[in-house]
Amino acid sequence: MSNMVGLEGRVYVNSNDASDPNWVLVDDVKNVTLGAGKTLADMTTRSSNKTRMKKAAIKEIAPEIELLWDNESATHGTFRAAYFADTIVDVLILDGPLATVGSTGFRAQYEVASFTRGEQLEEGMTINVKLEISVKATHIGWYVVE
């Protein structure tokens, strides 16, 4: 796959145990940002020739998913319930359909860090869900559909 547009991406929520996933398409997604970054440890010494030296330390994968507000949507309810009950949700974010060999993305079990409703005057109501990898995560990593 190459030269893709955001419209082709997909978000799935696991409705089963993490070791035996049953992926359910989240069909009310509007926008997704798969934020990935690293913290950097300062490794500067007196012999660094007056140059700050850094070393990658900890990776952080924190997706943000914008959904259209639909309080009857099962997946909307999954994110809302996980936020209020402090439970984790297993999420798979792909650049194409799960049924397409070669689709790639990221999978992890997340805490719902924020569940924010937007009510713009001339737009549909939305929910912005920010996810943070849970300390209880058992599957974290890049995912390739084979």
Protein backbone atom coordinates (compact mmCIF):
# COMPACT_ATOMS: atom_id res chain seq x y z
CA MET A 1 0.00 0.00 0.00
CA SER A 2 1.21 3.50 -0.75
CA ASN A 3 -0.06 7.05 -1.09
CA MET A 4 -2.97 6.56 1.26
CA VAL A 5 -5.48 9.07 2.59
CA GLY A 6 -6.78 9.13 6.17
CA LEU A 7 -10.18 7.98 5.00
CA GLU A 8 -8.69 4.53 4.34
CA GLY A 9 -7.56 4.01 7.95
CA ARG A 10 -9.54 1.88 10.39
CA VAL A 11 -9.89 1.62 14.16
CA TYR A 12 -10.92 -1.64 15.83
CA VAL A 13 -11.80 -2.50 19.43
CA ASN A 14 -11.34 -6.02 20.75
CA SER A 15 -14.54 -7.47 22.21
CA ASN A 16 -12.80 -10.61 23.49
CA ASP A 17 -9.76 -11.62 25.54
CA ALA A 18 -6.48 -10.00 24.43
CA SER A 19 -4.97 -13.40 23.61
CA ASP A 20 -7.89 -14.30 21.31
CA PRO A 21 -9.10 -11.01 19.81
CA ASN A 22 -12.43 -10.43 18.10
CA TRP A 23 -11.93 -7.10 16.34
CA VAL A 24 -14.99 -4.85 15.99
CA LEU A 25 -14.79 -1.91 13.57
CA VAL A 26 -15.34 1.49 15.17
CA ASP A 27 -17.48 2.98 12.41
CA ASP A 28 -18.12 6.45 13.84
CA VAL A 29 -14.47 7.58 13.70
CA LYS A 30 -13.87 10.98 12.18
CA ASN A 31 -10.14 11.57 12.74
CA VAL A 32 -7.24 9.65 14.27
CA THR A 33 -3.80 10.78 15.34
CA LEU A 34 -1.41 7.96 16.22
CA GLY A 35 1.02 10.02 18.29
CA ALA A 36 4.39 8.36 18.75
CA GLY A 37 7.36 9.88 20.50
CA LYS A 38 10.30 9.16 22.76
CA THR A 39 11.60 10.73 25.89
CA LEU A 40 15.26 11.65 25.64
CA ALA A 41 17.82 11.23 28.39
CA ASP A 42 20.44 13.95 28.64
CA MET A 43 23.83 12.25 28.17
CA THR A 44 25.87 15.45 28.04
CA THR A 45 29.27 15.34 29.70
CA ARG A 46 32.14 17.75 30.05
CA SER A 47 33.83 15.96 27.16
CA SER A 48 30.82 16.48 24.83
CA ASN A 49 32.62 19.40 23.15
CA LYS A 50 29.95 21.88 24.34
CA THR A 51 27.29 19.86 22.51
CA ARG A 52 24.20 18.51 24.19
CA MET A 53 24.04 14.73 23.74
CA LYS A 54 20.76 12.80 23.93
CA LYS A 55 19.81 9.13 24.03
CA ALA A 56 16.35 7.73 23.35
CA ALA A 57 14.83 6.41 26.57
CA ILE A 58 11.11 5.57 26.65
CA LYS A 59 8.67 5.28 23.74
CA GLU A 60 5.21 6.75 24.12
CA ILE A 61 2.32 5.78 21.84
CA ALA A 62 -0.72 7.90 22.65
CA PRO A 63 -3.47 7.81 20.01
CA GLU A 64 -6.25 10.38 19.88
CA ILE A 65 -9.49 9.30 18.26
CA GLU A 66 -12.23 11.75 17.30
CA LEU A 67 -15.66 10.12 17.02
CA LEU A 68 -19.00 11.54 16.03
CA TRP A 69 -21.23 11.65 19.11
CA ASP A 70 -23.61 8.71 19.11
CA ASN A 71 -24.68 7.58 22.56
CA GLU A 72 -26.28 4.46 21.02
CA SER A 73 -23.01 3.29 19.41
CA ALA A 74 -21.58 0.17 21.08
CA THR A 75 -17.97 1.24 20.50
CA HIS A 76 -18.70 4.75 21.74
CA GLY A 77 -20.08 3.05 24.85
CA THR A 78 -16.92 0.92 25.15
CA PHE A 79 -14.69 4.01 25.34
CA ARG A 80 -17.09 5.81 27.71
CA ALA A 81 -17.35 2.79 30.03
CA ALA A 82 -13.57 2.30 30.07
CA TYR A 83 -13.09 5.97 30.98
CA PHE A 84 -15.58 6.03 33.85
CA ALA A 85 -14.79 2.53 35.20
CA ASP A 86 -10.99 2.91 34.87
CA THR A 87 -10.74 -0.26 32.80
CA ILE A 88 -8.60 -0.96 29.76
CA VAL A 89 -9.61 -1.23 26.12
CA ASP A 90 -7.71 -3.23 23.47
CA VAL A 91 -7.39 -1.09 20.33
CA LEU A 92 -5.98 -1.77 16.87
CA ILE A 93 -5.34 1.20 14.56
CA LEU A 94 -4.62 0.22 10.95
CA ASP A 95 -3.92 2.04 7.68
CA GLY A 96 -6.49 -0.15 5.90
CA PRO A 97 -9.14 -2.80 6.53
CA LEU A 98 -8.35 -5.76 8.79
CA ALA A 99 -9.34 -8.06 5.92
CA THR A 100 -6.64 -6.59 3.64
CA VAL A 101 -3.30 -8.38 3.70
CA GLY A 102 -0.55 -5.81 4.20
CA SER A 103 -2.57 -3.37 6.32
CA THR A 104 -0.34 -2.13 9.13
CA GLY A 105 -0.74 -0.23 12.35
CA PHE A 106 -0.40 -0.36 16.10
CA ARG A 107 -2.07 -2.48 18.77
CA ALA A 108 -2.08 -2.09 22.54
CA GLN A 109 -4.29 -2.16 25.59
CA TYR A 110 -5.02 1.37 26.72
CA GLU A 111 -6.40 3.43 29.55
CA VAL A 112 -8.83 6.08 28.31
CA ALA A 113 -7.01 9.18 29.58
CA SER A 114 -9.62 11.66 28.40
CA PHE A 115 -13.13 11.51 27.00
CA THR A 116 -13.97 15.05 25.85
CA ARG A 117 -17.17 16.08 24.09
CA GLY A 118 -17.02 18.86 21.49
CA GLU A 119 -20.09 20.89 20.64
CA GLN A 120 -19.08 23.21 17.80
CA LEU A 121 -21.86 25.47 16.57
CA GLU A 122 -21.89 24.33 12.94
CA GLU A 123 -20.45 20.83 13.23
CA GLY A 124 -21.67 17.47 14.44
CA MET A 125 -21.04 16.79 18.13
CA THR A 126 -17.85 14.82 18.69
CA ILE A 127 -15.97 12.87 21.33
CA ASN A 128 -12.20 13.14 21.51
CA VAL A 129 -10.74 10.03 23.14
CA LYS A 130 -7.10 10.15 24.23
CA LEU A 131 -5.51 6.78 24.95
CA GLU A 132 -2.42 5.93 27.03
CA ILE A 133 -0.85 2.46 27.15
CA SER A 134 -1.94 0.66 30.31
CA VAL A 135 0.40 -0.79 32.87
CA LYS A 136 -1.71 -3.96 32.40
CA ALA A 137 -1.04 -4.15 28.63
CA THR A 138 -0.03 -7.60 27.37
CA HIS A 139 0.11 -6.92 23.62
CA ILE A 140 2.00 -3.80 22.56
CA GLY A 141 3.47 -3.31 19.14
CA TRP A 142 3.35 -2.88 15.42
CA TYR A 143 0.72 -5.03 13.72
CA VAL A 144 0.79 -6.38 10.15
CA VAL A 145 -2.18 -8.18 8.61
CA GLU A 146 -0.94 -11.40 7.02
